[in-house]
Amino acid sequence: MSGFRYAQRMEGWLDWQRGYRYGVLLIFPPEPLLSQVNRLRQRHDPESHNGCEAHISLTVPLPSSILDSAWEALSRIAASCAPIEVVYGPVSHYLPHPGVCLKIEPFDQLDRLRIRLESADVFRGAVKRSHPFSPHMTLAEFISVEQTRSLLELLEPNAPEGCFLCRSVDYVIPDEAFVFRSQGTLTLGQNQTSARNVAAKPPGKEDG
């Protein structure tokens, strides 16, 4: 895997945006949940929606570009981690900080995946996390506290709730307009799949 594209011109980027130049690892939900949450984000916080599709953030931003060897190391880590049954909903918040999101579980499994990924050498020198890891799927973030309370009341009865099997993690990188797009996918559990296939092989017949 090579040829990741990074923004060369960052005129107009805010200081905090510059820290994301080399991207981040996150989880995209599958359809139809992706489109369902995207519609909510577009309706209630178009600024956030325009920057990135619905997602669950995992790692801190990468401090530098990813070379082939670093991508291979991340791929090996992901392959050693089992897929995760992600449970989403109900709506939640972080008041007094503004914003509305879907609660995401299971914390322990997602946190272990995050820790494993951030243990890769490519994260050496990364900025420390400013808040404890708390998995969530943002519905609106660039809103006021008053708007947060109103939106919680509006969305609570009908917000999406359910589960999906997370089989991959995406590497998203912002373009020069600070729009994040996936440029690579890390597949979870490939090592476990190979081990199960070996274990399930019928005895008594040699390969070849």
C-alpha atoms as a PDB file:
ATOM      1  CA  MET A   1       0.000   0.000   0.000  1.00  0.00           C
ATOM      2  CA  SER A   2       1.545   3.318  -1.012  1.00  0.00           C
ATOM      3  CA  GLY A   3       0.745   6.655  -2.515  1.00  0.00           C
ATOM      4  CA  PHE A   4      -1.181   8.258   0.333  1.00  0.00           C
ATOM      5  CA  ARG A   5      -2.016  11.834  -0.610  1.00  0.00           C
ATOM      6  CA  TYR A   6      -1.524  14.601   1.952  1.00  0.00           C
ATOM      7  CA  ALA A   7      -2.552  18.241   1.692  1.00  0.00           C
ATOM      8  CA  GLN A   8       0.313  20.431   0.477  1.00  0.00           C
ATOM      9  CA  ARG A   9      -1.458  23.765   0.805  1.00  0.00           C
ATOM     10  CA  MET A  10      -3.102  24.519   4.131  1.00  0.00           C
ATOM     11  CA  GLU A  11      -3.960  28.186   3.704  1.00  0.00           C
ATOM     12  CA  GLY A  12      -7.081  28.930   5.705  1.00  0.00           C
ATOM     13  CA  TRP A  13      -6.702  25.917   7.988  1.00  0.00           C
ATOM     14  CA  LEU A  14      -7.181  26.639  11.684  1.00  0.00           C
ATOM     15  CA  ASP A  15      -4.411  25.696  14.107  1.00  0.00           C
ATOM     16  CA  TRP A  16      -6.276  22.612  15.386  1.00  0.00           C
ATOM     17  CA  GLN A  17      -6.944  21.461  11.816  1.00  0.00           C
ATOM     18  CA  ARG A  18      -3.225  21.457  10.976  1.00  0.00           C
ATOM     19  CA  GLY A  19      -2.755  18.723  13.562  1.00  0.00           C
ATOM     20  CA  TYR A  20      -4.854  16.411  11.373  1.00  0.00           C
ATOM     21  CA  ARG A  21      -2.763  16.813   8.205  1.00  0.00           C
ATOM     22  CA  TYR A  22      -1.571  13.193   8.301  1.00  0.00           C
ATOM     23  CA  GLY A  23      -4.976  11.751   9.045  1.00  0.00           C
ATOM     24  CA  VAL A  24      -6.514   9.507  11.654  1.00  0.00           C
ATOM     25  CA  LEU A  25      -7.867   5.961  12.002  1.00  0.00           C
ATOM     26  CA  LEU A  26     -11.610   5.568  12.480  1.00  0.00           C
ATOM     27  CA  ILE A  27     -14.580   3.271  11.901  1.00  0.00           C
ATOM     28  CA  PHE A  28     -17.234   3.910   9.268  1.00  0.00           C
ATOM     29  CA  PRO A  29     -20.598   2.250   9.973  1.00  0.00           C
ATOM     30  CA  PRO A  30     -22.137   0.097   7.227  1.00  0.00           C
ATOM     31  CA  GLU A  31     -25.214   0.920   5.199  1.00  0.00           C
ATOM     32  CA  PRO A  32     -28.003   1.698   5.828  1.00  0.00           C
ATOM     33  CA  LEU A  33     -26.785   3.201   9.120  1.00  0.00           C
ATOM     34  CA  LEU A  34     -24.145   5.319   7.357  1.00  0.00           C
ATOM     35  CA  SER A  35     -26.734   7.106   5.207  1.00  0.00           C
ATOM     36  CA  GLN A  36     -29.185   7.379   8.091  1.00  0.00           C
ATOM     37  CA  VAL A  37     -26.656   9.155  10.333  1.00  0.00           C
ATOM     38  CA  ASN A  38     -25.323  11.231   7.448  1.00  0.00           C
ATOM     39  CA  ARG A  39     -28.825  12.623   6.898  1.00  0.00           C
ATOM     40  CA  LEU A  40     -29.076  13.604  10.561  1.00  0.00           C
ATOM     41  CA  ARG A  41     -25.640  15.227  10.461  1.00  0.00           C
ATOM     42  CA  GLN A  42     -26.468  17.125   7.280  1.00  0.00           C
ATOM     43  CA  ARG A  43     -29.722  18.388   8.766  1.00  0.00           C
ATOM     44  CA  HIS A  44     -28.467  19.371  12.219  1.00  0.00           C
ATOM     45  CA  ASP A  45     -24.791  20.197  11.677  1.00  0.00           C
ATOM     46  CA  PRO A  46     -23.896  20.622   7.982  1.00  0.00           C
ATOM     47  CA  GLU A  47     -20.441  22.000   8.821  1.00  0.00           C
ATOM     48  CA  SER A  48     -19.456  18.772  10.559  1.00  0.00           C
ATOM     49  CA  HIS A  49     -21.135  16.624   7.910  1.00  0.00           C
ATOM     50  CA  ASN A  50     -19.295  18.369   5.078  1.00  0.00           C
ATOM     51  CA  GLY A  51     -15.966  17.540   6.692  1.00  0.00           C
ATOM     52  CA  CYS A  52     -16.452  13.798   7.109  1.00  0.00           C
ATOM     53  CA  GLU A  53     -19.114  11.130   6.855  1.00  0.00           C
ATOM     54  CA  ALA A  54     -20.597   9.497   9.956  1.00  0.00           C
ATOM     55  CA  HIS A  55     -17.889   7.667  11.890  1.00  0.00           C
ATOM     56  CA  ILE A  56     -16.514   6.460  15.209  1.00  0.00           C
ATOM     57  CA  SER A  57     -13.163   8.073  15.988  1.00  0.00           C
ATOM     58  CA  LEU A  58     -10.473   5.718  17.269  1.00  0.00           C
ATOM     59  CA  THR A  59      -6.940   7.081  17.321  1.00  0.00           C
ATOM     60  CA  VAL A  60      -5.265  10.393  17.871  1.00  0.00           C
ATOM     61  CA  PRO A  61      -4.029  12.079  14.666  1.00  0.00           C
ATOM     62  CA  LEU A  62      -0.915  10.608  13.112  1.00  0.00           C
ATOM     63  CA  PRO A  63       2.185  12.796  13.567  1.00  0.00           C
ATOM     64  CA  SER A  64       3.732  12.045  10.151  1.00  0.00           C
ATOM     65  CA  SER A  65       3.093  10.404   6.795  1.00  0.00           C
ATOM     66  CA  ILE A  66       2.730   6.629   6.560  1.00  0.00           C
ATOM     67  CA  LEU A  67       5.335   4.687   4.608  1.00  0.00           C
ATOM     68  CA  ASP A  68       4.773   1.188   3.233  1.00  0.00           C
ATOM     69  CA  SER A  69       6.522  -0.475   6.188  1.00  0.00           C
ATOM     70  CA  ALA A  70       4.366   1.433   8.689  1.00  0.00           C
ATOM     71  CA  TRP A  71       1.188   0.517   6.810  1.00  0.00           C
ATOM     72  CA  GLU A  72       2.228  -3.128   6.816  1.00  0.00           C
ATOM     73  CA  ALA A  73       2.778  -2.955  10.583  1.00  0.00           C
ATOM     74  CA  LEU A  74      -0.692  -1.461  11.094  1.00  0.00           C
ATOM     75  CA  SER A  75      -2.163  -4.163   8.853  1.00  0.00           C
ATOM     76  CA  ARG A  76      -0.572  -6.872  10.987  1.00  0.00           C
ATOM     77  CA  ILE A  77      -1.942  -5.315  14.169  1.00  0.00           C
ATOM     78  CA  ALA A  78      -5.450  -5.072  12.685  1.00  0.00           C
ATOM     79  CA  ALA A  79      -5.281  -8.663  11.419  1.00  0.00           C
ATOM     80  CA  SER A  80      -4.540  -9.844  14.951  1.00  0.00           C
ATOM     81  CA  CYS A  81      -7.636  -8.077  16.364  1.00  0.00           C
ATOM     82  CA  ALA A  82     -11.019  -9.786  16.131  1.00  0.00           C
ATOM     83  CA  PRO A  83     -14.010  -8.030  14.523  1.00  0.00           C
ATOM     84  CA  ILE A  84     -16.171  -6.208  17.058  1.00  0.00           C
ATOM     85  CA  GLU A  85     -19.950  -6.298  17.477  1.00  0.00           C
ATOM     86  CA  VAL A  86     -20.619  -2.558  17.812  1.00  0.00           C
ATOM     87  CA  VAL A  87     -23.765  -1.433  19.632  1.00  0.00           C
ATOM     88  CA  TYR A  88     -25.014   2.072  18.801  1.00  0.00           C
ATOM     89  CA  GLY A  89     -27.585   4.273  20.524  1.00  0.00           C
ATOM     90  CA  PRO A  90     -29.294   5.803  22.347  1.00  0.00           C
ATOM     91  CA  VAL A  91     -28.505   9.485  21.872  1.00  0.00           C
ATOM     92  CA  SER A  92     -26.014  10.908  24.336  1.00  0.00           C
ATOM     93  CA  HIS A  93     -24.076  14.081  25.127  1.00  0.00           C
ATOM     94  CA  TYR A  94     -21.037  15.483  26.918  1.00  0.00           C
ATOM     95  CA  LEU A  95     -22.650  18.504  28.575  1.00  0.00           C
ATOM     96  CA  PRO A  96     -21.527  21.075  29.602  1.00  0.00           C
ATOM     97  CA  HIS A  97     -19.634  20.650  26.312  1.00  0.00           C
ATOM     98  CA  PRO A  98     -22.042  21.128  23.390  1.00  0.00           C
ATOM     99  CA  GLY A  99     -22.820  18.348  20.949  1.00  0.00           C
ATOM    100  CA  VAL A 100     -25.094  15.350  20.417  1.00  0.00           C
ATOM    101  CA  CYS A 101     -23.971  11.833  19.553  1.00  0.00           C
ATOM    102  CA  LEU A 102     -24.951   8.183  19.573  1.00  0.00           C
ATOM    103  CA  LYS A 103     -23.535   6.188  22.462  1.00  0.00           C
ATOM    104  CA  ILE A 104     -21.192   3.431  21.262  1.00  0.00           C
ATOM    105  CA  GLU A 105     -20.332   0.150  23.000  1.00  0.00           C
ATOM    106  CA  PRO A 106     -18.498  -2.071  23.888  1.00  0.00           C
ATOM    107  CA  PHE A 107     -15.968   0.299  25.387  1.00  0.00           C
ATOM    108  CA  ASP A 108     -13.436  -2.343  26.459  1.00  0.00           C
ATOM    109  CA  GLN A 109     -13.064  -3.980  23.034  1.00  0.00           C
ATOM    110  CA  LEU A 110     -12.900  -0.682  21.165  1.00  0.00           C
ATOM    111  CA  ASP A 111     -10.393   0.691  23.643  1.00  0.00           C
ATOM    112  CA  ARG A 112      -8.194  -2.394  23.258  1.00  0.00           C
ATOM    113  CA  LEU A 113      -8.283  -1.969  19.478  1.00  0.00           C
ATOM    114  CA  ARG A 114      -7.357   1.713  19.826  1.00  0.00           C
ATOM    115  CA  ILE A 115      -4.479   0.934  22.183  1.00  0.00           C
ATOM    116  CA  ARG A 116      -3.123  -1.746  19.856  1.00  0.00           C
ATOM    117  CA  LEU A 117      -3.230   0.583  16.847  1.00  0.00           C
ATOM    118  CA  GLU A 118      -1.670   3.494  18.741  1.00  0.00           C
ATOM    119  CA  SER A 119       1.146   1.186  19.884  1.00  0.00           C
ATOM    120  CA  ALA A 120       2.490   1.142  16.312  1.00  0.00           C
ATOM    121  CA  ASP A 121       5.750   3.007  15.744  1.00  0.00           C
ATOM    122  CA  VAL A 122       4.035   5.389  13.336  1.00  0.00           C
ATOM    123  CA  PHE A 123       2.241   6.971  16.329  1.00  0.00           C
ATOM    124  CA  ARG A 124       5.520   7.727  18.104  1.00  0.00           C
ATOM    125  CA  GLY A 125       5.550  11.448  18.849  1.00  0.00           C
ATOM    126  CA  ALA A 126       1.787  11.861  18.398  1.00  0.00           C
ATOM    127  CA  VAL A 127       0.021  14.530  20.435  1.00  0.00           C
ATOM    128  CA  LYS A 128      -1.389  13.148  23.672  1.00  0.00           C
ATOM    129  CA  ARG A 129      -5.150  12.688  23.896  1.00  0.00           C
ATOM    130  CA  SER A 130      -6.749  15.768  25.460  1.00  0.00           C
ATOM    131  CA  HIS A 131      -9.742  13.814  26.815  1.00  0.00           C
ATOM    132  CA  PRO A 132     -10.179  10.180  27.873  1.00  0.00           C
ATOM    133  CA  PHE A 133     -11.208   7.861  25.025  1.00  0.00           C
ATOM    134  CA  SER A 134     -15.010   7.698  24.838  1.00  0.00           C
ATOM    135  CA  PRO A 135     -16.396   5.993  21.716  1.00  0.00           C
ATOM    136  CA  HIS A 136     -19.329   7.789  20.118  1.00  0.00           C
ATOM    137  CA  MET A 137     -20.818   8.652  16.738  1.00  0.00           C
ATOM    138  CA  THR A 138     -21.317  12.398  16.415  1.00  0.00           C
ATOM    139  CA  LEU A 139     -24.652  13.711  15.157  1.00  0.00           C
ATOM    140  CA  ALA A 140     -23.885  17.403  15.742  1.00  0.00           C
ATOM    141  CA  GLU A 141     -20.881  19.134  17.295  1.00  0.00           C
ATOM    142  CA  PHE A 142     -20.696  22.725  16.020  1.00  0.00           C
ATOM    143  CA  ILE A 143     -23.773  23.802  17.977  1.00  0.00           C
ATOM    144  CA  SER A 144     -24.468  25.710  21.194  1.00  0.00           C
ATOM    145  CA  VAL A 145     -25.391  24.274  24.599  1.00  0.00           C
ATOM    146  CA  GLU A 146     -28.967  25.465  24.085  1.00  0.00           C
ATOM    147  CA  GLN A 147     -29.124  23.770  20.690  1.00  0.00           C
ATOM    148  CA  THR A 148     -27.694  20.629  22.263  1.00  0.00           C
ATOM    149  CA  ARG A 149     -30.525  20.408  24.786  1.00  0.00           C
ATOM    150  CA  SER A 150     -33.167  21.039  22.124  1.00  0.00           C
ATOM    151  CA  LEU A 151     -31.664  18.477  19.758  1.00  0.00           C
ATOM    152  CA  LEU A 152     -31.482  15.834  22.477  1.00  0.00           C
ATOM    153  CA  GLU A 153     -35.188  16.295  23.152  1.00  0.00           C
ATOM    154  CA  LEU A 154     -35.962  16.122  19.433  1.00  0.00           C
ATOM    155  CA  LEU A 155     -33.887  13.029  18.629  1.00  0.00           C
ATOM    156  CA  GLU A 156     -34.361  10.888  21.737  1.00  0.00           C
ATOM    157  CA  PRO A 157     -37.613   9.202  20.613  1.00  0.00           C
ATOM    158  CA  ASN A 158     -36.398   8.159  17.142  1.00  0.00           C
ATOM    159  CA  ALA A 159     -32.608   8.094  17.114  1.00  0.00           C
ATOM    160  CA  PRO A 160     -31.022   5.007  15.526  1.00  0.00           C
ATOM    161  CA  GLU A 161     -30.324   2.084  17.852  1.00  0.00           C
ATOM    162  CA  GLY A 162     -28.945  -1.318  16.969  1.00  0.00           C
ATOM    163  CA  CYS A 163     -25.699  -3.127  16.267  1.00  0.00           C
ATOM    164  CA  PHE A 164     -23.313  -4.021  13.437  1.00  0.00           C
ATOM    165  CA  LEU A 165     -20.192  -6.125  13.039  1.00  0.00           C
ATOM    166  CA  CYS A 166     -17.124  -3.932  12.592  1.00  0.00           C
ATOM    167  CA  ARG A 167     -14.704  -5.757  10.289  1.00  0.00           C
ATOM    168  CA  SER A 168     -12.387  -2.900   9.336  1.00  0.00           C
ATOM    169  CA  VAL A 169     -10.781   0.419  10.262  1.00  0.00           C
ATOM    170  CA  ASP A 170     -10.275   3.222   7.735  1.00  0.00           C
ATOM    171  CA  TYR A 171      -7.357   5.592   7.332  1.00  0.00           C
ATOM    172  CA  VAL A 172      -8.869   8.982   6.483  1.00  0.00           C
ATOM    173  CA  ILE A 173      -6.854  12.005   5.392  1.00  0.00           C
ATOM    174  CA  PRO A 174      -8.091  15.582   4.878  1.00  0.00           C
ATOM    175  CA  ASP A 175      -7.695  17.203   1.470  1.00  0.00           C
ATOM    176  CA  GLU A 176      -6.784  20.869   1.033  1.00  0.00           C
ATOM    177  CA  ALA A 177     -10.412  21.844   1.719  1.00  0.00           C
ATOM    178  CA  PHE A 178     -10.191  19.881   4.995  1.00  0.00           C
ATOM    179  CA  VAL A 179     -12.586  17.177   3.833  1.00  0.00           C
ATOM    180  CA  PHE A 180     -11.664  13.731   5.151  1.00  0.00           C
ATOM    181  CA  ARG A 181     -11.717  10.793   2.744  1.00  0.00           C
ATOM    182  CA  SER A 182     -10.633   7.201   3.185  1.00  0.00           C
ATOM    183  CA  GLN A 183      -7.335   6.326   1.517  1.00  0.00           C
ATOM    184  CA  GLY A 184      -6.838   2.899   3.053  1.00  0.00           C
ATOM    185  CA  THR A 185      -8.632   0.124   4.926  1.00  0.00           C
ATOM    186  CA  LEU A 186      -7.255  -2.157   7.639  1.00  0.00           C
ATOM    187  CA  THR A 187      -9.100  -5.478   7.868  1.00  0.00           C
ATOM    188  CA  LEU A 188      -9.733  -6.917  11.330  1.00  0.00           C
ATOM    189  CA  GLY A 189      -9.367 -10.587  12.192  1.00  0.00           C
ATOM    190  CA  GLN A 190      -7.563 -12.003   9.191  1.00  0.00           C
ATOM    191  CA  ASN A 191      -5.191 -13.920  11.465  1.00  0.00           C
ATOM    192  CA  GLN A 192      -8.119 -15.431  13.379  1.00  0.00           C
ATOM    193  CA  THR A 193      -9.785 -16.429  10.105  1.00  0.00           C
ATOM    194  CA  SER A 194      -6.635 -18.183   8.904  1.00  0.00           C
ATOM    195  CA  ALA A 195      -6.285 -20.012  12.209  1.00  0.00           C
ATOM    196  CA  ARG A 196      -9.910 -21.209  12.073  1.00  0.00           C
ATOM    197  CA  ASN A 197      -9.449 -22.416   8.502  1.00  0.00           C
ATOM    198  CA  VAL A 198      -6.363 -24.437   9.478  1.00  0.00           C
ATOM    199  CA  ALA A 199      -8.145 -25.917  12.490  1.00  0.00           C
ATOM    200  CA  ALA A 200     -11.152 -26.854  10.344  1.00  0.00           C
ATOM    201  CA  LYS A 201      -9.076 -28.620   7.656  1.00  0.00           C
ATOM    202  CA  PRO A 202     -10.100 -32.296   7.453  1.00  0.00           C
ATOM    203  CA  PRO A 203      -7.365 -34.693   8.571  1.00  0.00           C
ATOM    204  CA  GLY A 204      -5.770 -37.411   6.499  1.00  0.00           C
ATOM    205  CA  LYS A 205      -4.972 -35.542   3.298  1.00  0.00           C
ATOM    206  CA  GLU A 206      -1.728 -33.718   2.670  1.00  0.00           C
ATOM    207  CA  ASP A 207      -1.554 -30.487   0.706  1.00  0.00           C
ATOM    208  CA  GLY A 208      -0.522 -30.832  -2.923  1.00  0.00           C
END
